[in-house]
């Protein structure tokens, strides 16, 4: 089992907040340049999130 992880207060007020802001700005930039709906942004974020999700492989023989 994986050990729970939490960002430190310094990380939350630094790199985490910075990353959040950059992601939000990039999504707003995408919307303004492509005129895409929020649903398309959510779909893109979902694809990105799937790169970081833990996957379990099943062997079907």
PDB file of N, CA and C in Angstrom:
ATOM      1  N   UNK A   1       0.847  -1.179   0.000  1.00  0.00           N
ATOM      2  CA  UNK A   1       0.000   0.000   0.000  1.00  0.00           C
ATOM      3  C   UNK A   1       0.891   1.240   0.000  1.00  0.00           C
ATOM      4  N   UNK A   2       0.471   2.254  -0.728  1.00  0.00           N
ATOM      5  CA  UNK A   2       1.252   3.487  -0.785  1.00  0.00           C
ATOM      6  C   UNK A   2       1.045   4.324   0.463  1.00  0.00           C
ATOM      7  N   UNK A   3       2.117   4.945   0.900  1.00  0.00           N
ATOM      8  CA  UNK A   3       2.065   5.844   2.050  1.00  0.00           C
ATOM      9  C   UNK A   3       1.406   7.157   1.632  1.00  0.00           C
ATOM     10  N   UNK A   4       0.470   7.676   2.439  1.00  0.00           N
ATOM     11  CA  UNK A   4      -0.162   8.960   2.092  1.00  0.00           C
ATOM     12  C   UNK A   4       0.883  10.071   1.985  1.00  0.00           C
ATOM     13  N   UNK A   5       0.633  11.000   1.092  1.00  0.00           N
ATOM     14  CA  UNK A   5       1.558  12.110   0.877  1.00  0.00           C
ATOM     15  C   UNK A   5       0.808  13.420   1.021  1.00  0.00           C
ATOM     16  N   UNK A   6       1.430  14.360   1.654  1.00  0.00           N
ATOM     17  CA  UNK A   6       0.876  15.709   1.753  1.00  0.00           C
ATOM     18  C   UNK A   6       1.979  16.705   1.445  1.00  0.00           C
ATOM     19  N   UNK A   7       1.617  17.755   0.717  1.00  0.00           N
ATOM     20  CA  UNK A   7       2.559  18.829   0.479  1.00  0.00           C
ATOM     21  C   UNK A   7       2.772  19.598   1.778  1.00  0.00           C
ATOM     22  N   UNK A   8       3.958  20.131   1.952  1.00  0.00           N
ATOM     23  CA  UNK A   8       4.233  20.968   3.117  1.00  0.00           C
ATOM     24  C   UNK A   8       3.568  22.334   2.922  1.00  0.00           C
ATOM     25  N   UNK A   9       3.465  23.086   3.988  1.00  0.00           N
ATOM     26  CA  UNK A   9       2.904  24.439   3.911  1.00  0.00           C
ATOM     27  C   UNK A   9       3.710  25.294   2.938  1.00  0.00           C
ATOM     28  N   UNK A  10       5.047  25.189   3.016  1.00  0.00           N
ATOM     29  CA  UNK A  10       5.903  25.960   2.103  1.00  0.00           C
ATOM     30  C   UNK A  10       5.656  25.560   0.647  1.00  0.00           C
ATOM     31  N   UNK A  11       5.502  24.273   0.399  1.00  0.00           N
ATOM     32  CA  UNK A  11       5.225  23.815  -0.962  1.00  0.00           C
ATOM     33  C   UNK A  11       3.857  24.307  -1.425  1.00  0.00           C
ATOM     34  N   UNK A  12       2.858  24.248  -0.542  1.00  0.00           N
ATOM     35  CA  UNK A  12       1.511  24.699  -0.892  1.00  0.00           C
ATOM     36  C   UNK A  12       1.502  26.188  -1.241  1.00  0.00           C
ATOM     37  N   UNK A  13       2.295  26.957  -0.544  1.00  0.00           N
ATOM     38  CA  UNK A  13       2.356  28.395  -0.789  1.00  0.00           C
ATOM     39  C   UNK A  13       3.364  28.764  -1.868  1.00  0.00           C
ATOM     40  N   UNK A  14       4.075  27.791  -2.377  1.00  0.00           N
ATOM     41  CA  UNK A  14       5.103  28.036  -3.390  1.00  0.00           C
ATOM     42  C   UNK A  14       4.790  27.305  -4.681  1.00  0.00           C
ATOM     43  N   UNK A  15       5.467  26.195  -4.879  1.00  0.00           N
ATOM     44  CA  UNK A  15       5.398  25.473  -6.146  1.00  0.00           C
ATOM     45  C   UNK A  15       3.996  24.973  -6.467  1.00  0.00           C
ATOM     46  N   UNK A  16       3.238  24.540  -5.469  1.00  0.00           N
ATOM     47  CA  UNK A  16       1.886  24.029  -5.735  1.00  0.00           C
ATOM     48  C   UNK A  16       0.979  25.166  -6.222  1.00  0.00           C
ATOM     49  N   UNK A  17       1.002  26.280  -5.513  1.00  0.00           N
ATOM     50  CA  UNK A  17       0.194  27.430  -5.921  1.00  0.00           C
ATOM     51  C   UNK A  17       0.616  27.936  -7.296  1.00  0.00           C
ATOM     52  N   UNK A  18       1.919  27.965  -7.554  1.00  0.00           N
ATOM     53  CA  UNK A  18       2.450  28.403  -8.843  1.00  0.00           C
ATOM     54  C   UNK A  18       1.986  27.471  -9.960  1.00  0.00           C
ATOM     55  N   UNK A  19       2.046  26.175  -9.721  1.00  0.00           N
ATOM     56  CA  UNK A  19       1.626  25.197 -10.722  1.00  0.00           C
ATOM     57  C   UNK A  19       0.137  25.324 -11.009  1.00  0.00           C
ATOM     58  N   UNK A  20      -0.655  25.474  -9.959  1.00  0.00           N
ATOM     59  CA  UNK A  20      -2.098  25.651 -10.114  1.00  0.00           C
ATOM     60  C   UNK A  20      -2.398  26.874 -10.983  1.00  0.00           C
ATOM     61  N   UNK A  21      -1.751  27.970 -10.679  1.00  0.00           N
ATOM     62  CA  UNK A  21      -1.964  29.208 -11.436  1.00  0.00           C
ATOM     63  C   UNK A  21      -1.588  29.034 -12.898  1.00  0.00           C
ATOM     64  N   UNK A  22      -0.468  28.368 -13.156  1.00  0.00           N
ATOM     65  CA  UNK A  22      -0.031  28.142 -14.536  1.00  0.00           C
ATOM     66  C   UNK A  22      -1.013  27.266 -15.299  1.00  0.00           C
ATOM     67  N   UNK A  23      -1.547  26.243 -14.649  1.00  0.00           N
ATOM     68  CA  UNK A  23      -2.519  25.361 -15.309  1.00  0.00           C
ATOM     69  C   UNK A  23      -3.790  26.135 -15.640  1.00  0.00           C
ATOM     70  N   UNK A  24      -4.289  26.913 -14.677  1.00  0.00           N
ATOM     71  CA  UNK A  24      -5.491  27.712 -14.913  1.00  0.00           C
ATOM     72  C   UNK A  24      -5.260  28.702 -16.058  1.00  0.00           C
ATOM     73  N   UNK A  25      -4.132  29.385 -16.044  1.00  0.00           N
ATOM     74  CA  UNK A  25      -3.814  30.345 -17.114  1.00  0.00           C
ATOM     75  C   UNK A  25      -3.700  29.663 -18.469  1.00  0.00           C
ATOM     76  N   UNK A  26      -3.097  28.481 -18.504  1.00  0.00           N
ATOM     77  CA  UNK A  26      -2.958  27.750 -19.762  1.00  0.00           C
ATOM     78  C   UNK A  26      -4.328  27.320 -20.291  1.00  0.00           C
ATOM     79  N   UNK A  27      -5.207  26.914 -19.408  1.00  0.00           N
ATOM     80  CA  UNK A  27      -6.557  26.530 -19.834  1.00  0.00           C
ATOM     81  C   UNK A  27      -7.328  27.730 -20.363  1.00  0.00           C
ATOM     82  N   UNK A  28      -7.216  28.851 -19.692  1.00  0.00           N
ATOM     83  CA  UNK A  28      -7.881  30.070 -20.166  1.00  0.00           C
ATOM     84  C   UNK A  28      -7.303  30.516 -21.509  1.00  0.00           C
ATOM     85  N   UNK A  29      -6.004  30.390 -21.677  1.00  0.00           N
ATOM     86  CA  UNK A  29      -5.356  30.716 -22.945  1.00  0.00           C
ATOM     87  C   UNK A  29      -5.851  29.796 -24.059  1.00  0.00           C
ATOM     88  N   UNK A  30      -5.967  28.516 -23.764  1.00  0.00           N
ATOM     89  CA  UNK A  30      -6.480  27.549 -24.731  1.00  0.00           C
ATOM     90  C   UNK A  30      -7.895  27.921 -25.160  1.00  0.00           C
ATOM     91  N   UNK A  31      -8.745  28.242 -24.175  1.00  0.00           N
ATOM     92  CA  UNK A  31     -10.121  28.605 -24.486  1.00  0.00           C
ATOM     93  C   UNK A  31     -10.190  29.869 -25.345  1.00  0.00           C
ATOM     94  N   UNK A  32      -9.389  30.873 -25.002  1.00  0.00           N
ATOM     95  CA  UNK A  32      -9.470  32.131 -25.751  1.00  0.00           C
ATOM     96  C   UNK A  32      -8.891  32.005 -27.159  1.00  0.00           C
ATOM     97  N   UNK A  33      -7.921  31.126 -27.345  1.00  0.00           N
ATOM     98  CA  UNK A  33      -7.313  30.961 -28.669  1.00  0.00           C
ATOM     99  C   UNK A  33      -8.047  29.987 -29.568  1.00  0.00           C
ATOM    100  N   UNK A  34      -8.823  29.083 -28.984  1.00  0.00           N
ATOM    101  CA  UNK A  34      -9.519  28.077 -29.793  1.00  0.00           C
ATOM    102  C   UNK A  34     -11.033  28.218 -29.748  1.00  0.00           C
ATOM    103  N   UNK A  35     -11.517  29.018 -28.789  1.00  0.00           N
ATOM    104  CA  UNK A  35     -12.959  29.185 -28.599  1.00  0.00           C
ATOM    105  C   UNK A  35     -13.639  27.871 -28.217  1.00  0.00           C
ATOM    106  N   UNK A  36     -12.893  26.961 -27.615  1.00  0.00           N
ATOM    107  CA  UNK A  36     -13.449  25.665 -27.234  1.00  0.00           C
ATOM    108  C   UNK A  36     -14.286  25.799 -25.960  1.00  0.00           C
ATOM    109  N   UNK A  37     -15.242  24.898 -25.765  1.00  0.00           N
ATOM    110  CA  UNK A  37     -16.055  24.936 -24.549  1.00  0.00           C
ATOM    111  C   UNK A  37     -15.304  24.354 -23.356  1.00  0.00           C
ATOM    112  N   UNK A  38     -15.822  24.627 -22.168  1.00  0.00           N
ATOM    113  CA  UNK A  38     -15.225  24.092 -20.940  1.00  0.00           C
ATOM    114  C   UNK A  38     -15.099  22.573 -20.979  1.00  0.00           C
ATOM    115  N   UNK A  39     -16.087  21.913 -21.595  1.00  0.00           N
ATOM    116  CA  UNK A  39     -16.070  20.444 -21.658  1.00  0.00           C
ATOM    117  C   UNK A  39     -14.823  19.930 -22.375  1.00  0.00           C
ATOM    118  N   UNK A  40     -14.360  20.663 -23.374  1.00  0.00           N
ATOM    119  CA  UNK A  40     -13.146  20.247 -24.090  1.00  0.00           C
ATOM    120  C   UNK A  40     -11.917  20.404 -23.208  1.00  0.00           C
ATOM    121  N   UNK A  41     -11.892  21.456 -22.415  1.00  0.00           N
ATOM    122  CA  UNK A  41     -10.788  21.658 -21.476  1.00  0.00           C
ATOM    123  C   UNK A  41     -10.790  20.546 -20.437  1.00  0.00           C
ATOM    124  N   UNK A  42     -11.965  20.203 -19.930  1.00  0.00           N
ATOM    125  CA  UNK A  42     -12.077  19.121 -18.948  1.00  0.00           C
ATOM    126  C   UNK A  42     -11.597  17.802 -19.555  1.00  0.00           C
ATOM    127  N   UNK A  43     -11.961  17.537 -20.806  1.00  0.00           N
ATOM    128  CA  UNK A  43     -11.515  16.319 -21.478  1.00  0.00           C
ATOM    129  C   UNK A  43      -9.991  16.291 -21.593  1.00  0.00           C
ATOM    130  N   UNK A  44      -9.401  17.414 -21.946  1.00  0.00           N
ATOM    131  CA  UNK A  44      -7.944  17.489 -22.047  1.00  0.00           C
ATOM    132  C   UNK A  44      -7.288  17.259 -20.692  1.00  0.00           C
ATOM    133  N   UNK A  45      -7.819  17.903 -19.656  1.00  0.00           N
ATOM    134  CA  UNK A  45      -7.271  17.719 -18.312  1.00  0.00           C
ATOM    135  C   UNK A  45      -7.413  16.268 -17.847  1.00  0.00           C
ATOM    136  N   UNK A  46      -8.494  15.623 -18.252  1.00  0.00           N
ATOM    137  CA  UNK A  46      -8.702  14.219 -17.906  1.00  0.00           C
ATOM    138  C   UNK A  46      -7.637  13.326 -18.547  1.00  0.00           C
ATOM    139  N   UNK A  47      -7.321  13.601 -19.805  1.00  0.00           N
ATOM    140  CA  UNK A  47      -6.269  12.840 -20.490  1.00  0.00           C
ATOM    141  C   UNK A  47      -4.928  13.056 -19.784  1.00  0.00           C
ATOM    142  N   UNK A  48      -4.658  14.294 -19.430  1.00  0.00           N
ATOM    143  CA  UNK A  48      -3.411  14.600 -18.721  1.00  0.00           C
ATOM    144  C   UNK A  48      -3.381  13.889 -17.373  1.00  0.00           C
ATOM    145  N   UNK A  49      -4.485  13.946 -16.637  1.00  0.00           N
ATOM    146  CA  UNK A  49      -4.558  13.301 -15.321  1.00  0.00           C
ATOM    147  C   UNK A  49      -4.346  11.797 -15.430  1.00  0.00           C
ATOM    148  N   UNK A  50      -4.818  11.202 -16.512  1.00  0.00           N
ATOM    149  CA  UNK A  50      -4.668   9.757 -16.665  1.00  0.00           C
ATOM    150  C   UNK A  50      -3.200   9.340 -16.767  1.00  0.00           C
ATOM    151  N   UNK A  51      -2.337  10.264 -17.177  1.00  0.00           N
ATOM    152  CA  UNK A  51      -0.903   9.957 -17.225  1.00  0.00           C
ATOM    153  C   UNK A  51      -0.310   9.787 -15.833  1.00  0.00           C
ATOM    154  N   UNK A  52      -0.986  10.303 -14.823  1.00  0.00           N
ATOM    155  CA  UNK A  52      -0.493  10.258 -13.457  1.00  0.00           C
ATOM    156  C   UNK A  52      -1.294   9.317 -12.564  1.00  0.00           C
ATOM    157  N   UNK A  53      -2.361   8.750 -13.098  1.00  0.00           N
ATOM    158  CA  UNK A  53      -3.207   7.858 -12.313  1.00  0.00           C
ATOM    159  C   UNK A  53      -2.531   6.497 -12.157  1.00  0.00           C
ATOM    160  N   UNK A  54      -2.770   5.909 -11.014  1.00  0.00           N
ATOM    161  CA  UNK A  54      -2.268   4.552 -10.770  1.00  0.00           C
ATOM    162  C   UNK A  54      -3.142   3.588 -11.549  1.00  0.00           C
ATOM    163  N   UNK A  55      -2.501   2.743 -12.318  1.00  0.00           N
ATOM    164  CA  UNK A  55      -3.268   1.767 -13.094  1.00  0.00           C
ATOM    165  C   UNK A  55      -3.005   0.374 -12.556  1.00  0.00           C
ATOM    166  N   UNK A  56      -4.019  -0.441 -12.644  1.00  0.00           N
ATOM    167  CA  UNK A  56      -3.873  -1.854 -12.280  1.00  0.00           C
ATOM    168  C   UNK A  56      -4.136  -2.661 -13.540  1.00  0.00           C
ATOM    169  N   UNK A  57      -3.187  -3.498 -13.858  1.00  0.00           N
ATOM    170  CA  UNK A  57      -3.320  -4.311 -15.059  1.00  0.00           C
ATOM    171  C   UNK A  57      -3.905  -5.656 -14.682  1.00  0.00           C
ATOM    172  N   UNK A  58      -4.816  -6.119 -15.519  1.00  0.00           N
ATOM    173  CA  UNK A  58      -5.367  -7.444 -15.322  1.00  0.00           C
ATOM    174  C   UNK A  58      -4.903  -8.330 -16.451  1.00  0.00           C
ATOM    175  N   UNK A  59      -4.622  -9.561 -16.132  1.00  0.00           N
ATOM    176  CA  UNK A  59      -4.168 -10.530 -17.126  1.00  0.00           C
ATOM    177  C   UNK A  59      -5.342 -11.441 -17.449  1.00  0.00           C
ATOM    178  N   UNK A  60      -5.900 -11.261 -18.637  1.00  0.00           N
ATOM    179  CA  UNK A  60      -7.046 -12.052 -19.044  1.00  0.00           C
ATOM    180  C   UNK A  60      -6.586 -13.119 -20.024  1.00  0.00           C
ATOM    181  N   UNK A  61      -6.441 -14.345 -19.527  1.00  0.00           N
ATOM    182  CA  UNK A  61      -6.020 -15.470 -20.370  1.00  0.00           C
ATOM    183  C   UNK A  61      -7.117 -16.466 -20.482  1.00  0.00           C
TER     184      UNK A  61
END
